[in-house]
Amino acid sequence: MSEPTRYQTGPLELPLRMDLEPTPVEGCPGCIELANVRDRARTSGDMTTVSDCNVYMRRHPEGHQ
């Protein structure tokens, strides 16, 4: 077992993600619906839903990006 740190450590630098939003795969109804929901959410200012739709599109069960 190691000794606990007894002094303050420097800040941890995390990478800034600047990924583009995923685009729907042509002909996939699931991707198209998520893109439509995302567009409606962005229009109403609901950025939480926009972010959720982006995550769902990236993790699409068919492996779509």
C-alpha atoms as a PDB file:
ATOM      1  CA  MET A   1       0.000   0.000   0.000  1.00  0.00           C
ATOM      2  CA  SER A   2       1.283   3.452  -0.847  1.00  0.00           C
ATOM      3  CA  GLU A   3       1.503   6.432   1.459  1.00  0.00           C
ATOM      4  CA  PRO A   4      -1.225   9.072   1.101  1.00  0.00           C
ATOM      5  CA  THR A   5      -0.238  12.361  -0.504  1.00  0.00           C
ATOM      6  CA  ARG A   6       0.342  14.959   2.197  1.00  0.00           C
ATOM      7  CA  TYR A   7       0.680  17.958  -0.073  1.00  0.00           C
ATOM      8  CA  GLN A   8      -1.554  19.699  -2.559  1.00  0.00           C
ATOM      9  CA  THR A   9      -1.196  18.412  -6.112  1.00  0.00           C
ATOM     10  CA  GLY A  10      -1.533  20.530  -9.249  1.00  0.00           C
ATOM     11  CA  PRO A  11      -4.784  20.820 -11.188  1.00  0.00           C
ATOM     12  CA  LEU A  12      -5.854  18.008 -13.464  1.00  0.00           C
ATOM     13  CA  GLU A  13      -6.125  19.152 -17.101  1.00  0.00           C
ATOM     14  CA  LEU A  14      -8.987  17.525 -19.028  1.00  0.00           C
ATOM     15  CA  PRO A  15      -9.266  17.677 -22.821  1.00  0.00           C
ATOM     16  CA  LEU A  16     -11.818  20.074 -24.280  1.00  0.00           C
ATOM     17  CA  ARG A  17     -14.166  18.153 -26.574  1.00  0.00           C
ATOM     18  CA  MET A  18     -15.092  20.151 -29.637  1.00  0.00           C
ATOM     19  CA  ASP A  19     -16.676  17.283 -31.573  1.00  0.00           C
ATOM     20  CA  LEU A  20     -19.194  18.117 -34.243  1.00  0.00           C
ATOM     21  CA  GLU A  21     -22.723  16.892 -33.736  1.00  0.00           C
ATOM     22  CA  PRO A  22     -23.434  13.478 -35.211  1.00  0.00           C
ATOM     23  CA  THR A  23     -25.352  13.439 -38.475  1.00  0.00           C
ATOM     24  CA  PRO A  24     -28.265  11.064 -39.062  1.00  0.00           C
ATOM     25  CA  VAL A  25     -27.623   8.075 -41.303  1.00  0.00           C
ATOM     26  CA  GLU A  26     -29.687   8.343 -44.474  1.00  0.00           C
ATOM     27  CA  GLY A  27     -32.581   5.902 -44.509  1.00  0.00           C
ATOM     28  CA  CYS A  28     -32.450   5.111 -40.785  1.00  0.00           C
ATOM     29  CA  PRO A  29     -35.756   6.050 -39.126  1.00  0.00           C
ATOM     30  CA  GLY A  30     -34.214   6.078 -35.634  1.00  0.00           C
ATOM     31  CA  CYS A  31     -31.500   8.553 -36.622  1.00  0.00           C
ATOM     32  CA  ILE A  32     -33.970  10.750 -38.482  1.00  0.00           C
ATOM     33  CA  GLU A  33     -36.333  10.885 -35.492  1.00  0.00           C
ATOM     34  CA  LEU A  34     -33.481  11.772 -33.123  1.00  0.00           C
ATOM     35  CA  ALA A  35     -32.362  14.545 -35.476  1.00  0.00           C
ATOM     36  CA  ASN A  36     -35.937  15.902 -35.605  1.00  0.00           C
ATOM     37  CA  VAL A  37     -36.244  15.851 -31.804  1.00  0.00           C
ATOM     38  CA  ARG A  38     -32.855  17.538 -31.523  1.00  0.00           C
ATOM     39  CA  ASP A  39     -33.908  20.295 -33.951  1.00  0.00           C
ATOM     40  CA  ARG A  40     -37.166  20.941 -32.074  1.00  0.00           C
ATOM     41  CA  ALA A  41     -35.325  21.006 -28.743  1.00  0.00           C
ATOM     42  CA  ARG A  42     -32.740  23.472 -30.053  1.00  0.00           C
ATOM     43  CA  THR A  43     -35.540  25.735 -31.348  1.00  0.00           C
ATOM     44  CA  SER A  44     -37.146  25.809 -27.898  1.00  0.00           C
ATOM     45  CA  GLY A  45     -33.793  26.298 -26.109  1.00  0.00           C
ATOM     46  CA  ASP A  46     -33.745  22.849 -24.457  1.00  0.00           C
ATOM     47  CA  MET A  47     -30.013  22.159 -24.732  1.00  0.00           C
ATOM     48  CA  THR A  48     -30.228  19.188 -22.355  1.00  0.00           C
ATOM     49  CA  THR A  49     -32.381  17.319 -24.854  1.00  0.00           C
ATOM     50  CA  VAL A  50     -30.076  18.406 -27.688  1.00  0.00           C
ATOM     51  CA  SER A  51     -27.152  16.870 -25.819  1.00  0.00           C
ATOM     52  CA  ASP A  52     -29.132  13.710 -25.034  1.00  0.00           C
ATOM     53  CA  CYS A  53     -30.068  13.261 -28.696  1.00  0.00           C
ATOM     54  CA  ASN A  54     -26.413  13.614 -29.689  1.00  0.00           C
ATOM     55  CA  VAL A  55     -25.443  10.901 -27.204  1.00  0.00           C
ATOM     56  CA  TYR A  56     -28.224   8.588 -28.412  1.00  0.00           C
ATOM     57  CA  MET A  57     -27.186   9.121 -32.027  1.00  0.00           C
ATOM     58  CA  ARG A  58     -23.562   8.285 -31.199  1.00  0.00           C
ATOM     59  CA  ARG A  59     -24.659   5.141 -29.334  1.00  0.00           C
ATOM     60  CA  HIS A  60     -27.228   4.066 -31.888  1.00  0.00           C
ATOM     61  CA  PRO A  61     -27.915   0.329 -31.582  1.00  0.00           C
ATOM     62  CA  GLU A  62     -27.009  -0.215 -35.233  1.00  0.00           C
ATOM     63  CA  GLY A  63     -23.609   1.435 -34.776  1.00  0.00           C
ATOM     64  CA  HIS A  64     -24.461   4.586 -36.718  1.00  0.00           C
ATOM     65  CA  GLN A  65     -22.387   7.714 -36.136  1.00  0.00           C
END
